[in-house]
Each structure stands twice: as C-alpha cells, then as structure tokens.
PDB file of N, CA and C in Angstrom:
ATOM      1  N   UNK A   1       0.696  -1.418   0.164  1.00  0.00           N
ATOM      2  CA  UNK A   1       0.071  -0.264  -0.084  1.00  0.00           C
ATOM      3  C   UNK A   1       0.853   1.257   0.014  1.00  0.00           C
ATOM      4  N   UNK A   2       0.635   2.092  -0.721  1.00  0.00           N
ATOM      5  CA  UNK A   2       1.432   3.480  -1.400  1.00  0.00           C
ATOM      6  C   UNK A   2       0.943   4.567  -0.212  1.00  0.00           C
ATOM      7  N   UNK A   3       1.232   5.433   0.268  1.00  0.00           N
ATOM      8  CA  UNK A   3       1.078   6.765   0.771  1.00  0.00           C
ATOM      9  C   UNK A   3       2.286   7.565   0.717  1.00  0.00           C
ATOM     10  N   UNK A   4       1.976   9.032   1.193  1.00  0.00           N
ATOM     11  CA  UNK A   4       2.406   9.739   0.982  1.00  0.00           C
ATOM     12  C   UNK A   4       2.943  10.756  -0.290  1.00  0.00           C
ATOM     13  N   UNK A   5       2.128  10.433  -1.279  1.00  0.00           N
ATOM     14  CA  UNK A   5       2.383  10.993  -2.286  1.00  0.00           C
ATOM     15  C   UNK A   5       0.970  11.716  -2.787  1.00  0.00           C
ATOM     16  N   UNK A   6       1.129  12.667  -3.566  1.00  0.00           N
ATOM     17  CA  UNK A   6      -0.096  13.272  -4.221  1.00  0.00           C
ATOM     18  C   UNK A   6      -0.382  12.723  -5.472  1.00  0.00           C
ATOM     19  N   UNK A   7      -1.846  12.806  -6.291  1.00  0.00           N
ATOM     20  CA  UNK A   7      -1.875  12.229  -7.305  1.00  0.00           C
ATOM     21  C   UNK A   7      -1.177  13.341  -8.475  1.00  0.00           C
ATOM     22  N   UNK A   8      -1.440  14.199  -7.913  1.00  0.00           N
ATOM     23  CA  UNK A   8      -0.534  14.909  -9.287  1.00  0.00           C
ATOM     24  C   UNK A   8       1.169  14.602  -9.447  1.00  0.00           C
ATOM     25  N   UNK A   9       1.634  14.116  -8.508  1.00  0.00           N
ATOM     26  CA  UNK A   9       2.760  13.296  -8.495  1.00  0.00           C
ATOM     27  C   UNK A   9       3.043  12.309  -9.292  1.00  0.00           C
ATOM     28  N   UNK A  10       2.096  11.405  -8.769  1.00  0.00           N
ATOM     29  CA  UNK A  10       1.647  10.147  -9.692  1.00  0.00           C
ATOM     30  C   UNK A  10       1.815   9.975 -10.954  1.00  0.00           C
ATOM     31  N   UNK A  11       0.998  11.550 -11.340  1.00  0.00           N
ATOM     32  CA  UNK A  11       0.755  11.482 -12.782  1.00  0.00           C
ATOM     33  C   UNK A  11       1.588  12.106 -13.366  1.00  0.00           C
ATOM     34  N   UNK A  12       2.444  12.993 -12.732  1.00  0.00           N
ATOM     35  CA  UNK A  12       3.573  13.589 -13.306  1.00  0.00           C
ATOM     36  C   UNK A  12       4.535  12.095 -13.514  1.00  0.00           C
ATOM     37  N   UNK A  13       4.927  11.278 -12.728  1.00  0.00           N
ATOM     38  CA  UNK A  13       5.521  10.259 -12.905  1.00  0.00           C
ATOM     39  C   UNK A  13       5.317   9.194 -14.141  1.00  0.00           C
ATOM     40  N   UNK A  14       4.018   9.433 -13.910  1.00  0.00           N
ATOM     41  CA  UNK A  14       3.145   8.693 -15.525  1.00  0.00           C
ATOM     42  C   UNK A  14       3.727   9.244 -16.977  1.00  0.00           C
ATOM     43  N   UNK A  15       3.741  10.313 -16.684  1.00  0.00           N
ATOM     44  CA  UNK A  15       3.668  11.529 -17.917  1.00  0.00           C
ATOM     45  C   UNK A  15       5.486  11.287 -18.208  1.00  0.00           C
ATOM     46  N   UNK A  16       6.199  11.302 -17.090  1.00  0.00           N
ATOM     47  CA  UNK A  16       7.320  11.031 -17.708  1.00  0.00           C
ATOM     48  C   UNK A  16       8.000   9.726 -18.244  1.00  0.00           C
ATOM     49  N   UNK A  17       7.418   8.845 -17.628  1.00  0.00           N
ATOM     50  CA  UNK A  17       7.655   7.641 -18.137  1.00  0.00           C
ATOM     51  C   UNK A  17       7.252   7.328 -19.454  1.00  0.00           C
ATOM     52  N   UNK A  18       5.628   7.668 -19.518  1.00  0.00           N
ATOM     53  CA  UNK A  18       5.485   7.676 -21.112  1.00  0.00           C
ATOM     54  C   UNK A  18       5.984   8.542 -21.760  1.00  0.00           C
ATOM     55  N   UNK A  19       6.815   9.464 -21.992  1.00  0.00           N
ATOM     56  CA  UNK A  19       7.321   9.909 -22.683  1.00  0.00           C
ATOM     57  C   UNK A  19       8.974   9.583 -22.889  1.00  0.00           C
ATOM     58  N   UNK A  20       9.085   8.280 -22.271  1.00  0.00           N
ATOM     59  CA  UNK A  20      10.475   7.676 -22.534  1.00  0.00           C
ATOM     60  C   UNK A  20      11.799   8.182 -21.636  1.00  0.00           C
ATOM     61  N   UNK A  21      11.323   8.950 -20.498  1.00  0.00           N
ATOM     62  CA  UNK A  21      12.198   9.688 -19.723  1.00  0.00           C
ATOM     63  C   UNK A  21      12.490   8.805 -18.347  1.00  0.00           C
ATOM     64  N   UNK A  22      13.130   8.563 -17.866  1.00  0.00           N
ATOM     65  CA  UNK A  22      13.887   8.050 -16.392  1.00  0.00           C
ATOM     66  C   UNK A  22      12.992   8.629 -15.302  1.00  0.00           C
ATOM     67  N   UNK A  23      11.948   8.085 -15.048  1.00  0.00           N
ATOM     68  CA  UNK A  23      10.968   8.647 -13.780  1.00  0.00           C
ATOM     69  C   UNK A  23      11.326   8.008 -12.509  1.00  0.00           C
ATOM     70  N   UNK A  24      11.375   9.244 -11.484  1.00  0.00           N
ATOM     71  CA  UNK A  24      11.800   8.122  -9.846  1.00  0.00           C
ATOM     72  C   UNK A  24      10.496   8.873  -9.520  1.00  0.00           C
ATOM     73  N   UNK A  25       9.744   8.287  -8.579  1.00  0.00           N
ATOM     74  CA  UNK A  25       8.899   8.336  -7.645  1.00  0.00           C
ATOM     75  C   UNK A  25       9.274   7.413  -6.379  1.00  0.00           C
ATOM     76  N   UNK A  26       9.450   8.238  -4.986  1.00  0.00           N
ATOM     77  CA  UNK A  26       9.517   7.894  -3.840  1.00  0.00           C
ATOM     78  C   UNK A  26       8.545   8.042  -2.803  1.00  0.00           C
ATOM     79  N   UNK A  27       7.727   6.942  -2.174  1.00  0.00           N
ATOM     80  CA  UNK A  27       6.738   7.299  -1.581  1.00  0.00           C
ATOM     81  C   UNK A  27       7.217   6.100  -0.519  1.00  0.00           C
ATOM     82  N   UNK A  28       5.963   6.394   1.085  1.00  0.00           N
ATOM     83  CA  UNK A  28       6.138   5.453   1.740  1.00  0.00           C
ATOM     84  C   UNK A  28       5.201   4.363   1.397  1.00  0.00           C
ATOM     85  N   UNK A  29       5.494   3.157   1.923  1.00  0.00           N
ATOM     86  CA  UNK A  29       4.589   1.933   1.533  1.00  0.00           C
ATOM     87  C   UNK A  29       4.709   0.992   2.908  1.00  0.00           C
ATOM     88  N   UNK A  30       3.559   0.376   2.793  1.00  0.00           N
ATOM     89  CA  UNK A  30       3.674  -1.470   3.737  1.00  0.00           C
ATOM     90  C   UNK A  30       3.384  -2.330   2.849  1.00  0.00           C
ATOM     91  N   UNK A  31       4.252  -3.175   2.652  1.00  0.00           N
ATOM     92  CA  UNK A  31       4.332  -4.515   2.350  1.00  0.00           C
ATOM     93  C   UNK A  31       4.606  -5.702   3.049  1.00  0.00           C
ATOM     94  N   UNK A  32       3.689  -6.510   3.309  1.00  0.00           N
ATOM     95  CA  UNK A  32       4.397  -7.760   4.312  1.00  0.00           C
ATOM     96  C   UNK A  32       5.382  -8.523   3.665  1.00  0.00           C
ATOM     97  N   UNK A  33       5.521  -8.634   2.308  1.00  0.00           N
ATOM     98  CA  UNK A  33       6.697  -9.327   1.933  1.00  0.00           C
ATOM     99  C   UNK A  33       8.047  -8.535   2.261  1.00  0.00           C
ATOM    100  N   UNK A  34       7.961  -7.216   2.504  1.00  0.00           N
ATOM    101  CA  UNK A  34       9.253  -6.764   2.981  1.00  0.00           C
ATOM    102  C   UNK A  34       9.089  -5.646   4.549  1.00  0.00           C
ATOM    103  N   UNK A  35       8.755  -6.128   5.695  1.00  0.00           N
ATOM    104  CA  UNK A  35       8.020  -5.165   6.615  1.00  0.00           C
ATOM    105  C   UNK A  35       9.432  -4.550   7.237  1.00  0.00           C
ATOM    106  N   UNK A  36      10.661  -4.747   6.824  1.00  0.00           N
ATOM    107  CA  UNK A  36      11.644  -3.758   7.264  1.00  0.00           C
ATOM    108  C   UNK A  36      11.941  -2.418   6.435  1.00  0.00           C
ATOM    109  N   UNK A  37      11.401  -2.261   5.519  1.00  0.00           N
ATOM    110  CA  UNK A  37      11.546  -1.103   4.747  1.00  0.00           C
ATOM    111  C   UNK A  37       9.908   0.055   4.493  1.00  0.00           C
ATOM    112  N   UNK A  38       9.988   1.074   4.896  1.00  0.00           N
ATOM    113  CA  UNK A  38       9.187   1.834   4.946  1.00  0.00           C
ATOM    114  C   UNK A  38       9.018   2.973   3.673  1.00  0.00           C
ATOM    115  N   UNK A  39       9.664   2.728   3.023  1.00  0.00           N
ATOM    116  CA  UNK A  39       9.930   3.356   1.633  1.00  0.00           C
ATOM    117  C   UNK A  39      10.185   2.669   0.598  1.00  0.00           C
ATOM    118  N   UNK A  40       9.954   3.018  -0.811  1.00  0.00           N
ATOM    119  CA  UNK A  40      10.293   2.700  -1.889  1.00  0.00           C
ATOM    120  C   UNK A  40      10.373   3.767  -2.985  1.00  0.00           C
ATOM    121  N   UNK A  41      11.245   3.444  -4.065  1.00  0.00           N
ATOM    122  CA  UNK A  41      11.481   4.431  -5.202  1.00  0.00           C
ATOM    123  C   UNK A  41      11.252   3.588  -6.490  1.00  0.00           C
ATOM    124  N   UNK A  42      10.041   4.136  -6.934  1.00  0.00           N
ATOM    125  CA  UNK A  42       9.820   3.380  -8.375  1.00  0.00           C
ATOM    126  C   UNK A  42      10.760   4.126  -9.451  1.00  0.00           C
ATOM    127  N   UNK A  43      11.209   3.334 -10.247  1.00  0.00           N
ATOM    128  CA  UNK A  43      12.063   3.983 -11.490  1.00  0.00           C
ATOM    129  C   UNK A  43      11.796   3.700 -12.656  1.00  0.00           C
ATOM    130  N   UNK A  44      10.777   4.252 -13.439  1.00  0.00           N
ATOM    131  CA  UNK A  44      10.214   3.609 -14.566  1.00  0.00           C
ATOM    132  C   UNK A  44      10.448   4.168 -15.787  1.00  0.00           C
ATOM    133  N   UNK A  45      10.197   3.616 -16.838  1.00  0.00           N
ATOM    134  CA  UNK A  45      10.541   4.505 -18.211  1.00  0.00           C
ATOM    135  C   UNK A  45       9.568   3.125 -19.188  1.00  0.00           C
ATOM    136  N   UNK A  46       8.786   3.984 -20.103  1.00  0.00           N
ATOM    137  CA  UNK A  46       7.882   2.751 -20.985  1.00  0.00           C
ATOM    138  C   UNK A  46       8.953   2.577 -22.110  1.00  0.00           C
ATOM    139  N   UNK A  47      10.216   3.113 -22.510  1.00  0.00           N
ATOM    140  CA  UNK A  47      11.321   2.484 -23.283  1.00  0.00           C
ATOM    141  C   UNK A  47      11.866   1.253 -22.769  1.00  0.00           C
ATOM    142  N   UNK A  48      11.558   0.299 -22.615  1.00  0.00           N
ATOM    143  CA  UNK A  48      11.857  -0.605 -21.965  1.00  0.00           C
ATOM    144  C   UNK A  48      13.629  -1.065 -22.177  1.00  0.00           C
ATOM    145  N   UNK A  49      14.148  -1.064 -23.518  1.00  0.00           N
ATOM    146  CA  UNK A  49      15.482  -1.159 -23.314  1.00  0.00           C
ATOM    147  C   UNK A  49      16.269   0.147 -22.945  1.00  0.00           C
ATOM    148  N   UNK A  50      15.769   1.503 -22.775  1.00  0.00           N
ATOM    149  CA  UNK A  50      16.580   2.196 -22.012  1.00  0.00           C
ATOM    150  C   UNK A  50      16.197   2.343 -20.493  1.00  0.00           C
ATOM    151  N   UNK A  51      15.317   1.619 -19.563  1.00  0.00           N
ATOM    152  CA  UNK A  51      15.103   1.079 -18.669  1.00  0.00           C
ATOM    153  C   UNK A  51      16.077   0.099 -17.955  1.00  0.00           C
ATOM    154  N   UNK A  52      16.178  -0.546 -19.361  1.00  0.00           N
ATOM    155  CA  UNK A  52      17.221  -2.063 -18.876  1.00  0.00           C
ATOM    156  C   UNK A  52      18.901  -1.688 -18.770  1.00  0.00           C
ATOM    157  N   UNK A  53      18.950  -0.536 -19.945  1.00  0.00           N
ATOM    158  CA  UNK A  53      20.283   0.039 -19.823  1.00  0.00           C
ATOM    159  C   UNK A  53      20.505   0.795 -18.660  1.00  0.00           C
ATOM    160  N   UNK A  54      19.507   1.527 -18.086  1.00  0.00           N
ATOM    161  CA  UNK A  54      19.752   2.551 -17.123  1.00  0.00           C
ATOM    162  C   UNK A  54      20.054   1.389 -15.903  1.00  0.00           C
ATOM    163  N   UNK A  55      18.938   0.548 -15.528  1.00  0.00           N
ATOM    164  CA  UNK A  55      19.440  -0.088 -14.689  1.00  0.00           C
ATOM    165  C   UNK A  55      20.782  -0.973 -14.761  1.00  0.00           C
ATOM    166  N   UNK A  56      21.222  -1.662 -15.690  1.00  0.00           N
ATOM    167  CA  UNK A  56      22.623  -1.976 -15.763  1.00  0.00           C
ATOM    168  C   UNK A  56      23.365  -1.236 -15.227  1.00  0.00           C
ATOM    169  N   UNK A  57      23.407   0.195 -15.437  1.00  0.00           N
ATOM    170  CA  UNK A  57      24.631   1.222 -14.875  1.00  0.00           C
ATOM    171  C   UNK A  57      24.478   1.283 -13.443  1.00  0.00           C
ATOM    172  N   UNK A  58      23.550   0.669 -12.807  1.00  0.00           N
ATOM    173  CA  UNK A  58      23.342   0.618 -11.362  1.00  0.00           C
ATOM    174  C   UNK A  58      23.512  -0.445 -10.776  1.00  0.00           C
ATOM    175  N   UNK A  59      23.736  -1.542 -11.588  1.00  0.00           N
ATOM    176  CA  UNK A  59      23.989  -3.170 -11.135  1.00  0.00           C
ATOM    177  C   UNK A  59      22.694  -3.679 -10.968  1.00  0.00           C
ATOM    178  N   UNK A  60      21.291  -3.246 -11.833  1.00  0.00           N
ATOM    179  CA  UNK A  60      20.195  -3.792 -12.003  1.00  0.00           C
ATOM    180  C   UNK A  60      19.981  -4.840 -12.850  1.00  0.00           C
ATOM    181  N   UNK A  61      19.359  -6.151 -12.625  1.00  0.00           N
ATOM    182  CA  UNK A  61      19.040  -7.032 -13.623  1.00  0.00           C
ATOM    183  C   UNK A  61      17.430  -6.593 -14.468  1.00  0.00           C
ATOM    184  N   UNK A  62      17.575  -7.211 -15.403  1.00  0.00           N
ATOM    185  CA  UNK A  62      16.093  -6.828 -16.310  1.00  0.00           C
ATOM    186  C   UNK A  62      15.280  -7.681 -15.780  1.00  0.00           C
ATOM    187  N   UNK A  63      15.513  -8.970 -14.660  1.00  0.00           N
ATOM    188  CA  UNK A  63      14.771  -9.604 -14.552  1.00  0.00           C
ATOM    189  C   UNK A  63      14.027  -8.872 -13.112  1.00  0.00           C
ATOM    190  N   UNK A  64      14.165  -7.720 -12.929  1.00  0.00           N
ATOM    191  CA  UNK A  64      13.884  -7.383 -11.702  1.00  0.00           C
ATOM    192  C   UNK A  64      12.691  -6.396 -12.039  1.00  0.00           C
ATOM    193  N   UNK A  65      12.766  -6.242 -13.173  1.00  0.00           N
ATOM    194  CA  UNK A  65      11.504  -5.263 -13.632  1.00  0.00           C
ATOM    195  C   UNK A  65      10.450  -5.713 -13.466  1.00  0.00           C
ATOM    196  N   UNK A  66       9.421  -4.659 -12.745  1.00  0.00           N
ATOM    197  CA  UNK A  66       7.906  -4.967 -12.745  1.00  0.00           C
ATOM    198  C   UNK A  66       7.446  -4.423 -13.552  1.00  0.00           C
ATOM    199  N   UNK A  67       6.375  -5.517 -14.320  1.00  0.00           N
ATOM    200  CA  UNK A  67       5.700  -5.324 -15.537  1.00  0.00           C
ATOM    201  C   UNK A  67       4.429  -5.309 -15.290  1.00  0.00           C
ATOM    202  N   UNK A  68       3.767  -4.908 -13.987  1.00  0.00           N
ATOM    203  CA  UNK A  68       2.548  -5.183 -13.806  1.00  0.00           C
ATOM    204  C   UNK A  68       1.603  -4.240 -13.444  1.00  0.00           C
ATOM    205  N   UNK A  69       2.058  -3.057 -13.723  1.00  0.00           N
ATOM    206  CA  UNK A  69       1.358  -1.900 -13.188  1.00  0.00           C
ATOM    207  C   UNK A  69       1.110  -1.077 -14.788  1.00  0.00           C
ATOM    208  N   UNK A  70       1.681  -1.674 -15.687  1.00  0.00           N
ATOM    209  CA  UNK A  70       1.369  -0.798 -17.228  1.00  0.00           C
ATOM    210  C   UNK A  70       2.675   0.182 -17.236  1.00  0.00           C
ATOM    211  N   UNK A  71       3.466   0.140 -16.330  1.00  0.00           N
ATOM    212  CA  UNK A  71       4.537   0.839 -16.281  1.00  0.00           C
ATOM    213  C   UNK A  71       5.681   0.548 -15.662  1.00  0.00           C
ATOM    214  N   UNK A  72       6.642  -0.150 -17.077  1.00  0.00           N
ATOM    215  CA  UNK A  72       7.769  -0.831 -16.461  1.00  0.00           C
ATOM    216  C   UNK A  72       8.915  -0.082 -15.680  1.00  0.00           C
ATOM    217  N   UNK A  73       8.946  -0.612 -14.458  1.00  0.00           N
ATOM    218  CA  UNK A  73       9.775   0.443 -13.293  1.00  0.00           C
ATOM    219  C   UNK A  73      10.828  -0.967 -12.412  1.00  0.00           C
ATOM    220  N   UNK A  74      11.666  -0.427 -11.626  1.00  0.00           N
ATOM    221  CA  UNK A  74      12.267  -1.142 -11.088  1.00  0.00           C
ATOM    222  C   UNK A  74      12.051  -0.549  -9.584  1.00  0.00           C
ATOM    223  N   UNK A  75      11.719  -1.338  -8.872  1.00  0.00           N
ATOM    224  CA  UNK A  75      11.313  -0.920  -7.201  1.00  0.00           C
ATOM    225  C   UNK A  75      12.702  -0.919  -6.271  1.00  0.00           C
ATOM    226  N   UNK A  76      13.152   0.094  -5.921  1.00  0.00           N
ATOM    227  CA  UNK A  76      14.507  -0.032  -5.163  1.00  0.00           C
ATOM    228  C   UNK A  76      14.245   0.034  -3.660  1.00  0.00           C
ATOM    229  N   UNK A  77      14.953  -0.311  -2.824  1.00  0.00           N
ATOM    230  CA  UNK A  77      14.588  -0.603  -1.314  1.00  0.00           C
ATOM    231  C   UNK A  77      15.865  -0.140  -0.602  1.00  0.00           C
ATOM    232  N   UNK A  78      15.811   0.394   0.527  1.00  0.00           N
ATOM    233  CA  UNK A  78      17.116   0.469   1.570  1.00  0.00           C
ATOM    234  C   UNK A  78      18.206   1.180   1.084  1.00  0.00           C
ATOM    235  N   UNK A  79      19.556   0.254   1.354  1.00  0.00           N
ATOM    236  CA  UNK A  79      20.790   0.996   0.623  1.00  0.00           C
ATOM    237  C   UNK A  79      21.180   1.170  -0.645  1.00  0.00           C
ATOM    238  N   UNK A  80      20.479   0.247  -1.366  1.00  0.00           N
ATOM    239  CA  UNK A  80      20.277   0.494  -3.027  1.00  0.00           C
ATOM    240  C   UNK A  80      19.822   1.628  -3.516  1.00  0.00           C
ATOM    241  N   UNK A  81      18.179   2.079  -2.730  1.00  0.00           N
ATOM    242  CA  UNK A  81      17.796   2.781  -2.914  1.00  0.00           C
ATOM    243  C   UNK A  81      18.370   4.318  -2.834  1.00  0.00           C
ATOM    244  N   UNK A  82      19.154   4.572  -1.624  1.00  0.00           N
ATOM    245  CA  UNK A  82      19.668   5.612  -1.390  1.00  0.00           C
ATOM    246  C   UNK A  82      20.723   5.543  -1.996  1.00  0.00           C
ATOM    247  N   UNK A  83      21.693   4.825  -2.365  1.00  0.00           N
ATOM    248  CA  UNK A  83      22.793   4.621  -3.051  1.00  0.00           C
ATOM    249  C   UNK A  83      22.543   5.213  -4.401  1.00  0.00           C
ATOM    250  N   UNK A  84      21.619   4.557  -5.144  1.00  0.00           N
ATOM    251  CA  UNK A  84      20.971   5.567  -6.609  1.00  0.00           C
ATOM    252  C   UNK A  84      20.472   6.681  -6.618  1.00  0.00           C
ATOM    253  N   UNK A  85      19.652   6.893  -5.211  1.00  0.00           N
ATOM    254  CA  UNK A  85      19.278   8.183  -5.557  1.00  0.00           C
ATOM    255  C   UNK A  85      20.063   9.012  -5.319  1.00  0.00           C
ATOM    256  N   UNK A  86      21.194   8.916  -4.794  1.00  0.00           N
ATOM    257  CA  UNK A  86      22.399  10.099  -4.659  1.00  0.00           C
ATOM    258  C   UNK A  86      23.112  10.194  -5.770  1.00  0.00           C
ATOM    259  N   UNK A  87      23.381   8.671  -6.641  1.00  0.00           N
ATOM    260  CA  UNK A  87      23.759   8.909  -7.758  1.00  0.00           C
ATOM    261  C   UNK A  87      23.152   9.843  -8.969  1.00  0.00           C
ATOM    262  N   UNK A  88      22.039   9.480  -8.849  1.00  0.00           N
ATOM    263  CA  UNK A  88      21.018  10.547  -9.817  1.00  0.00           C
ATOM    264  C   UNK A  88      20.748  11.809  -9.737  1.00  0.00           C
ATOM    265  N   UNK A  89      21.274  12.080  -7.988  1.00  0.00           N
ATOM    266  CA  UNK A  89      20.859  13.688  -7.695  1.00  0.00           C
ATOM    267  C   UNK A  89      19.452  13.711  -7.601  1.00  0.00           C
ATOM    268  N   UNK A  90      18.979  12.858  -6.793  1.00  0.00           N
ATOM    269  CA  UNK A  90      17.758  12.958  -6.614  1.00  0.00           C
ATOM    270  C   UNK A  90      17.597  13.011  -5.163  1.00  0.00           C
ATOM    271  N   UNK A  91      18.322  14.294  -4.763  1.00  0.00           N
ATOM    272  CA  UNK A  91      18.263  14.881  -3.226  1.00  0.00           C
ATOM    273  C   UNK A  91      16.973  15.250  -2.540  1.00  0.00           C
ATOM    274  N   UNK A  92      16.094  15.819  -3.359  1.00  0.00           N
ATOM    275  CA  UNK A  92      14.883  16.353  -3.004  1.00  0.00           C
ATOM    276  C   UNK A  92      14.266  15.311  -2.412  1.00  0.00           C
ATOM    277  N   UNK A  93      13.830  13.968  -2.937  1.00  0.00           N
ATOM    278  CA  UNK A  93      13.488  12.747  -2.475  1.00  0.00           C
ATOM    279  C   UNK A  93      14.183  12.209  -1.394  1.00  0.00           C
ATOM    280  N   UNK A  94      15.391  12.580  -1.208  1.00  0.00           N
ATOM    281  CA  UNK A  94      16.262  11.889   0.018  1.00  0.00           C
ATOM    282  C   UNK A  94      15.874  12.329   1.043  1.00  0.00           C
ATOM    283  N   UNK A  95      15.650  13.657   0.702  1.00  0.00           N
ATOM    284  CA  UNK A  95      15.423  14.785   1.744  1.00  0.00           C
ATOM    285  C   UNK A  95      13.960  14.795   2.564  1.00  0.00           C
ATOM    286  N   UNK A  96      12.960  14.710   1.490  1.00  0.00           N
ATOM    287  CA  UNK A  96      11.666  14.844   1.799  1.00  0.00           C
ATOM    288  C   UNK A  96      11.605  13.478   2.875  1.00  0.00           C
ATOM    289  N   UNK A  97      11.968  12.162   2.433  1.00  0.00           N
ATOM    290  CA  UNK A  97      11.736  10.998   2.953  1.00  0.00           C
ATOM    291  C   UNK A  97      12.585  11.010   4.260  1.00  0.00           C
ATOM    292  N   UNK A  98      13.916  11.846   4.466  1.00  0.00           N
ATOM    293  CA  UNK A  98      14.732  11.341   5.541  1.00  0.00           C
ATOM    294  C   UNK A  98      15.341  10.268   5.356  1.00  0.00           C
ATOM    295  N   UNK A  99      15.763   9.715   3.825  1.00  0.00           N
ATOM    296  CA  UNK A  99      16.483   8.326   3.449  1.00  0.00           C
ATOM    297  C   UNK A  99      17.655   8.291   4.005  1.00  0.00           C
ATOM    298  N   UNK A 100      18.537   9.502   4.300  1.00  0.00           N
ATOM    299  CA  UNK A 100      19.868   9.080   4.795  1.00  0.00           C
ATOM    300  C   UNK A 100      19.772   8.759   6.320  1.00  0.00           C
ATOM    301  N   UNK A 101      18.664   9.206   6.977  1.00  0.00           N
ATOM    302  CA  UNK A 101      18.459   8.810   8.241  1.00  0.00           C
ATOM    303  C   UNK A 101      17.776   7.441   8.291  1.00  0.00           C
ATOM    304  N   UNK A 102      16.824   7.507   7.548  1.00  0.00           N
ATOM    305  CA  UNK A 102      16.003   6.266   7.608  1.00  0.00           C
ATOM    306  C   UNK A 102      16.568   4.738   7.208  1.00  0.00           C
ATOM    307  N   UNK A 103      17.780   5.026   6.066  1.00  0.00           N
ATOM    308  CA  UNK A 103      18.111   3.511   5.599  1.00  0.00           C
ATOM    309  C   UNK A 103      19.177   3.194   6.707  1.00  0.00           C
ATOM    310  N   UNK A 104      19.182   2.019   6.586  1.00  0.00           N
ATOM    311  CA  UNK A 104      20.090   1.341   7.734  1.00  0.00           C
ATOM    312  C   UNK A 104      19.313   0.904   9.177  1.00  0.00           C
ATOM    313  N   UNK A 105      18.114   1.967   9.330  1.00  0.00           N
ATOM    314  CA  UNK A 105      17.339   1.569  10.752  1.00  0.00           C
ATOM    315  C   UNK A 105      16.041   0.945  10.210  1.00  0.00           C
ATOM    316  N   UNK A 106      15.823   0.576   8.912  1.00  0.00           N
ATOM    317  CA  UNK A 106      14.558   0.092   8.771  1.00  0.00           C
ATOM    318  C   UNK A 106      14.806  -1.091   8.546  1.00  0.00           C
TER     319      UNK A 106
END
C-alpha cells in the first residue's frame, strides 16, 4: 500500500515514463513481503531498452523490472535505493523522506 504522495506526483511520474524518460517516484509503503522497509522508489520508463540500460548502469538486472502496473519500473529499497538516488541527484526525494537517516534503520 502506497502513501505519502499526491495524485499530481503520480501523474507526473506516469507522464515522464510515457515520454520515455527515466522517472523517479519515492513514497511510503507497507508491504508484508518487506516489513523492514518503509519507503520505496519506483524508477520507470516505457522505453524498456532504455530502462534496462539504465538499470545495468546501477547493477540492476532486467529480471527485476516490475511490469504489472502497465509502467515498467524497478522498485528500489534500502541501501540500494539511497545509493542510486544519490548517484542520480535525486536529493529532494532523499530529504523529503529522510532516507539518509532512515536507511540502515529500516
């Protein structure tokens, strides 16, 4: 279950992905499969080849792409989430969700 984002943010993420750009969306979530994590970052792009290449540059495997929502994306969690957001200059999301303090304590 996702929370902590506005509909306009989700719509902007979808638009960016539809325009074949790499799109980032971080939000709080509750998922019984991963009880130790409180946030997730979805990194999506409708150009699957572009998303795969982007993922490779961060050590992600194409098999980890989630296709179920109609928007292919990686779900980033924990240390990897924080490291990739830093590498991609997504500091607003790190700050907004206190990831530099939260990661390692999740």
